[in-house]
Amino acid sequence: MNVLITGSSTGFGSLTALALAQRGHRVFATMREPDGKNSERAAALRATKGIEVLDLDVTSDASVDAAVAAALRSAGHLDAVINNAGRAVVGLSETITAAQLLALYDTNVIGMQRVNRAVLPGMRERKSGLLVHVSSSLGRWLMPVVGLYASTKWAVEALAETYRYDLKPTGVEVSIVQPGAYPTELGSGDSLGADQARAQGYGPLAGALASFGERARAMKTSPDAADPREVADAIVKLVETPQGERPARVVVDASKSPFAGQLNEAHAQVQRQLLTAIGMGNLAD
């Protein structure tokens, strides 16, 4: 299959590109500045047979359109697209500025919309294709300090599920991957709320960010740290699942936490009832 992946310089994106190529798929691994700041990472991927690296910035319409056009010129069509690019901002909600939140949504949510719009005309014409949206267990449940980042993942869930409904008559499929806590470079590149002075006056929660950071560092350095290749393997499995059998959501959580799965099941039940009530029960999973 011909597969395009966003955010392939590190983490789940890089691991998924390698895993797909090793399975014989043709991979377009995209990232910002592959001949600049990410040149070493790009070179490492290019060393693997079956991987072509393309410059793609999900916050730019022109960049997305150019990268997708280049992939289509090279491969003729795309069978699957993995919307993986993302960033994080952490801190008590009041400490995160409006500009930071706008930038966060531009990457995590609007970036996916740019990519989907670029690839869907070709997929719909072929009546075949798969869109994978990498969300998070935080797309279902919440905790302090990561709430605004989580809000982007809740938006990803809504965007992807709506596309799943919209595209059912076209033959194009949509799935969501919900990783739990895994040690990737997303955490090391987190931005803090830019107005930390606002954290004063929150009582015991004033130290919540430091506590969260300690837990995150411990998770990454533990000898029993979860293996992020589990997420890559789950995405590969989705890509290779026959058309018509791909699930709406896949939870990948080494900790075996039940919460995301329980919320998924409750949500699916409500959606079936709602869609049936408005005469669209055929779209429900």
Protein backbone atom coordinates (compact mmCIF):
# COMPACT_ATOMS: atom_id res chain seq x y z
CA MET A 1 0.00 0.00 0.00
CA ASN A 2 0.97 3.65 -0.46
CA VAL A 3 0.87 5.36 2.94
CA LEU A 4 1.47 9.00 3.89
CA ILE A 5 2.30 9.85 7.51
CA THR A 6 2.48 13.30 9.08
CA GLY A 7 4.84 14.11 11.95
CA SER A 8 7.37 11.44 11.01
CA SER A 9 10.51 13.04 12.42
CA THR A 10 10.11 11.38 15.84
CA GLY A 11 7.88 9.26 18.02
CA PHE A 12 4.91 7.32 16.71
CA GLY A 13 5.30 8.77 13.21
CA SER A 14 8.88 7.65 12.74
CA LEU A 15 8.24 4.23 14.26
CA THR A 16 5.15 3.71 12.11
CA ALA A 17 7.03 4.67 8.94
CA LEU A 18 9.72 2.10 9.71
CA ALA A 19 7.22 -0.60 10.67
CA LEU A 20 5.18 -0.12 7.49
CA ALA A 21 8.26 -0.10 5.25
CA GLN A 22 9.52 -3.28 6.87
CA ARG A 23 6.18 -4.88 5.97
CA GLY A 24 6.67 -3.96 2.33
CA HIS A 25 4.49 -0.86 2.13
CA ARG A 26 5.55 2.28 0.28
CA VAL A 27 5.76 5.10 2.82
CA PHE A 28 5.79 8.87 2.42
CA ALA A 29 7.21 10.02 5.74
CA THR A 30 6.54 13.73 6.10
CA MET A 31 8.01 16.30 8.45
CA ARG A 32 9.02 19.94 8.63
CA GLU A 33 12.42 20.91 7.24
CA PRO A 34 13.76 17.48 6.27
CA ASP A 35 16.75 19.19 4.65
CA GLY A 36 17.19 21.57 7.58
CA LYS A 37 16.74 21.04 11.30
CA ASN A 38 15.40 17.51 10.78
CA SER A 39 18.00 16.46 8.20
CA GLU A 40 19.54 13.73 10.38
CA ARG A 41 16.16 12.22 11.17
CA ALA A 42 15.16 12.39 7.52
CA ALA A 43 18.39 10.71 6.47
CA ALA A 44 17.80 7.88 8.94
CA LEU A 45 14.38 7.21 7.44
CA ARG A 46 15.62 7.50 3.86
CA ALA A 47 18.13 4.75 4.64
CA THR A 48 15.22 2.31 4.89
CA LYS A 49 13.97 0.81 1.63
CA GLY A 50 10.46 1.91 0.78
CA ILE A 51 10.52 5.26 2.60
CA GLU A 52 10.45 8.60 0.78
CA VAL A 53 10.71 11.71 2.95
CA LEU A 54 8.67 14.80 2.06
CA ASP A 55 8.59 18.30 3.52
CA LEU A 56 5.16 18.91 5.07
CA ASP A 57 4.07 21.47 7.66
CA VAL A 58 0.48 20.75 8.73
CA THR A 59 -0.01 24.42 9.69
CA SER A 60 0.38 25.52 6.05
CA ASP A 61 -2.21 24.90 3.32
CA ALA A 62 0.44 25.34 0.63
CA SER A 63 2.87 22.94 2.30
CA VAL A 64 0.21 20.23 2.76
CA ASP A 65 -1.03 20.57 -0.81
CA ALA A 66 2.51 20.45 -2.22
CA ALA A 67 3.49 17.36 -0.24
CA VAL A 68 0.32 15.46 -1.16
CA ALA A 69 0.78 16.43 -4.82
CA ALA A 70 4.36 15.14 -4.72
CA ALA A 71 3.24 11.83 -3.20
CA LEU A 72 0.54 11.44 -5.83
CA ARG A 73 2.99 12.18 -8.65
CA SER A 74 5.32 9.55 -7.28
CA ALA A 75 2.83 6.79 -6.37
CA GLY A 76 -0.27 7.59 -8.40
CA HIS A 77 -2.60 7.25 -5.42
CA LEU A 78 -2.65 6.98 -1.63
CA ASP A 79 -4.21 3.99 0.12
CA ALA A 80 -3.87 5.30 3.67
CA VAL A 81 -3.02 8.54 5.44
CA ILE A 82 -1.88 8.63 9.07
CA ASN A 83 -2.69 11.96 10.73
CA ASN A 84 -0.07 11.83 13.44
CA ALA A 85 1.56 15.30 13.66
CA GLY A 86 0.97 16.95 17.00
CA ARG A 87 2.34 19.13 19.75
CA ALA A 88 1.56 19.70 23.41
CA VAL A 89 1.26 22.62 25.82
CA VAL A 90 0.91 21.88 29.53
CA GLY A 91 0.06 23.90 32.61
CA LEU A 92 -2.96 25.12 34.51
CA SER A 93 -5.43 26.33 31.91
CA GLU A 94 -5.21 29.99 32.93
CA THR A 95 -1.44 30.01 32.36
CA ILE A 96 -1.80 29.11 28.67
CA THR A 97 -2.24 32.17 26.49
CA ALA A 98 -4.72 32.56 23.67
CA ALA A 99 -1.83 32.60 21.17
CA GLN A 100 -0.52 29.30 22.53
CA LEU A 101 -3.95 27.70 22.31
CA LEU A 102 -4.45 28.93 18.74
CA ALA A 103 -1.10 27.41 17.73
CA LEU A 104 -1.99 24.16 19.48
CA TYR A 105 -5.29 23.84 17.60
CA ASP A 106 -3.65 24.85 14.32
CA THR A 107 -1.34 21.83 14.54
CA ASN A 108 -3.43 19.21 16.31
CA VAL A 109 -6.85 19.85 14.77
CA ILE A 110 -6.80 22.21 11.80
CA GLY A 111 -3.68 20.46 10.50
CA MET A 112 -5.68 17.23 10.24
CA GLN A 113 -8.42 19.04 8.36
CA ARG A 114 -5.85 20.41 5.88
CA VAL A 115 -4.46 16.94 5.25
CA ASN A 116 -7.89 15.30 4.94
CA ARG A 117 -9.05 17.90 2.42
CA ALA A 118 -5.89 17.40 0.38
CA VAL A 119 -6.15 13.61 0.12
CA LEU A 120 -9.88 12.94 0.05
CA PRO A 121 -10.70 13.88 -3.57
CA GLY A 122 -8.42 11.11 -4.84
CA MET A 123 -9.66 8.59 -2.29
CA ARG A 124 -13.31 9.31 -3.03
CA GLU A 125 -12.67 9.00 -6.76
CA ARG A 126 -11.16 5.56 -6.20
CA LYS A 127 -13.91 4.66 -3.66
CA SER A 128 -11.20 3.36 -1.38
CA GLY A 129 -8.82 4.63 1.27
CA LEU A 130 -8.16 4.89 4.97
CA LEU A 131 -7.75 7.94 7.20
CA VAL A 132 -6.15 7.20 10.58
CA HIS A 133 -6.31 9.92 13.23
CA VAL A 134 -3.90 9.58 16.14
CA SER A 135 -5.75 10.85 19.19
CA SER A 136 -5.00 9.98 22.83
CA SER A 137 -6.61 8.44 25.87
CA LEU A 138 -6.83 12.13 26.85
CA GLY A 139 -9.31 12.43 24.01
CA ARG A 140 -11.75 10.69 26.35
CA TRP A 141 -10.85 11.52 29.96
CA LEU A 142 -9.25 14.51 31.68
CA MET A 143 -6.87 15.56 34.42
CA PRO A 144 -5.50 18.94 35.58
CA VAL A 145 -2.47 20.51 33.83
CA VAL A 146 -3.11 18.83 30.46
CA GLY A 147 -6.68 19.99 29.95
CA LEU A 148 -6.14 22.33 27.01
CA TYR A 149 -3.98 19.78 25.19
CA ALA A 150 -6.70 17.22 25.90
CA SER A 151 -9.29 19.59 24.45
CA THR A 152 -7.53 19.35 21.09
CA LYS A 153 -7.74 15.57 21.26
CA TRP A 154 -11.44 15.77 22.09
CA ALA A 155 -11.75 17.89 18.95
CA VAL A 156 -9.79 15.28 16.97
CA GLU A 157 -12.25 12.64 18.18
CA ALA A 158 -15.22 14.68 16.96
CA LEU A 159 -13.58 15.54 13.65
CA ALA A 160 -12.58 11.96 12.91
CA GLU A 161 -15.89 10.41 13.96
CA THR A 162 -17.82 12.90 11.83
CA TYR A 163 -15.62 12.01 8.86
CA ARG A 164 -16.35 8.33 9.52
CA TYR A 165 -20.07 9.05 9.21
CA ASP A 166 -19.71 11.38 6.22
CA LEU A 167 -17.49 9.02 4.25
CA LYS A 168 -19.34 5.73 4.79
CA PRO A 169 -21.21 6.00 1.46
CA THR A 170 -17.94 6.71 -0.41
CA GLY A 171 -15.90 3.62 0.47
CA VAL A 172 -13.30 5.66 2.36
CA GLU A 173 -12.80 4.46 5.94
CA VAL A 174 -11.82 6.35 9.09
CA SER A 175 -10.30 5.00 12.30
CA ILE A 176 -9.02 6.62 15.49
CA VAL A 177 -6.01 5.37 17.47
CA GLN A 178 -6.01 6.27 21.17
CA PRO A 179 -2.55 5.77 22.72
CA GLY A 180 -2.12 5.76 26.46
CA ALA A 181 1.02 7.11 28.13
CA TYR A 182 4.10 6.23 26.09
CA PRO A 183 7.64 7.69 26.25
CA THR A 184 7.99 9.63 23.00
CA GLU A 185 9.62 12.95 22.17
CA LEU A 186 6.24 14.67 22.29
CA GLY A 187 6.71 14.93 26.03
CA SER A 188 10.25 16.28 25.84
CA GLY A 189 9.12 19.03 23.47
CA ASP A 190 6.17 20.14 25.57
CA SER A 191 5.69 23.86 25.97
CA LEU A 192 4.65 25.33 29.27
CA GLY A 193 1.88 27.82 29.73
CA ALA A 194 3.57 31.13 28.97
CA ASP A 195 1.99 32.99 31.90
CA GLN A 196 3.09 30.92 34.88
CA ALA A 197 2.50 33.86 37.24
CA ARG A 198 -1.19 33.01 36.88
CA ALA A 199 -0.55 29.71 38.70
CA GLN A 200 -0.27 31.57 41.98
CA GLY A 201 -3.39 31.40 44.11
CA TYR A 202 -4.35 27.88 43.08
CA GLY A 203 -3.50 26.37 46.45
CA PRO A 204 -2.34 22.75 46.21
CA LEU A 205 -2.78 22.80 42.43
CA ALA A 206 -0.05 25.43 42.11
CA GLY A 207 2.46 22.58 42.21
CA ALA A 208 0.50 20.31 39.90
CA LEU A 209 2.72 21.04 36.89
CA ALA A 210 5.91 20.04 38.72
CA SER A 211 4.24 16.88 39.99
CA PHE A 212 3.05 16.01 36.51
CA GLY A 213 6.56 16.58 35.12
CA GLU A 214 8.09 14.27 37.71
CA ARG A 215 5.65 11.49 36.85
CA ALA A 216 6.31 11.96 33.14
CA ARG A 217 10.10 11.77 33.64
CA ALA A 218 9.75 8.69 35.81
CA MET A 219 7.61 7.02 33.16
CA LYS A 220 10.23 7.64 30.47
CA THR A 221 13.23 6.52 32.50
CA SER A 222 11.68 3.46 34.11
CA PRO A 223 13.18 0.11 33.06
CA ASP A 224 9.57 -1.02 32.59
CA ALA A 225 8.67 1.92 30.36
CA ALA A 226 5.98 1.19 27.79
CA ASP A 227 7.24 0.52 24.27
CA PRO A 228 5.88 3.09 21.77
CA ARG A 229 6.33 0.53 19.01
CA GLU A 230 3.06 -0.94 20.30
CA VAL A 231 1.28 2.09 18.84
CA ALA A 232 3.11 1.75 15.52
CA ASP A 233 2.14 -1.93 15.38
CA ALA A 234 -1.51 -1.04 16.02
CA ILE A 235 -1.46 1.45 13.14
CA VAL A 236 0.14 -1.13 10.83
CA LYS A 237 -2.59 -3.60 11.80
CA LEU A 238 -5.26 -1.04 10.93
CA VAL A 239 -3.69 -0.36 7.54
CA GLU A 240 -3.55 -4.07 6.77
CA THR A 241 -7.07 -4.86 8.01
CA PRO A 242 -9.40 -5.60 5.08
CA GLN A 243 -11.73 -2.85 3.94
CA GLY A 244 -15.03 -3.01 5.80
CA GLU A 245 -13.51 -4.54 8.94
CA ARG A 246 -11.64 -1.55 10.40
CA PRO A 247 -12.95 -0.44 13.80
CA ALA A 248 -13.90 3.11 14.67
CA ARG A 249 -11.42 3.26 17.56
CA VAL A 250 -8.41 1.31 18.76
CA VAL A 251 -7.07 1.81 22.29
CA VAL A 252 -3.35 1.09 22.73
CA ASP A 253 -2.39 1.30 26.40
CA ALA A 254 0.41 -0.71 27.96
CA SER A 255 -0.97 0.06 31.42
CA LYS A 256 -4.21 -1.76 30.52
CA SER A 257 -6.23 1.15 31.89
CA PRO A 258 -9.93 0.46 31.22
CA PHE A 259 -11.13 4.06 31.20
CA ALA A 260 -10.83 4.97 27.51
CA GLY A 261 -12.40 1.68 26.44
CA GLN A 262 -15.29 2.08 28.85
CA LEU A 263 -15.97 5.61 27.63
CA ASN A 264 -15.73 4.46 24.00
CA GLU A 265 -18.37 1.80 24.60
CA ALA A 266 -20.73 4.20 26.38
CA HIS A 267 -20.27 6.81 23.65
CA ALA A 268 -20.93 4.29 20.86
CA GLN A 269 -24.17 3.19 22.53
CA VAL A 270 -25.41 6.78 22.82
CA GLN A 271 -24.41 7.56 19.23
CA ARG A 272 -26.30 4.53 17.92
CA GLN A 273 -29.42 5.69 19.73
CA LEU A 274 -29.02 9.29 18.56
CA LEU A 275 -28.36 8.43 14.92
CA THR A 276 -31.27 5.99 14.89
CA ALA A 277 -33.55 8.65 16.34
CA ILE A 278 -32.74 11.06 13.50
CA GLY A 279 -33.11 8.41 10.82
CA MET A 280 -29.40 7.83 10.24
CA GLY A 281 -28.92 4.58 12.11
CA ASN A 282 -27.19 3.07 9.07
CA LEU A 283 -24.18 5.29 9.81
CA ALA A 284 -23.69 3.98 13.36
CA ASP A 285 -21.04 1.43 14.27
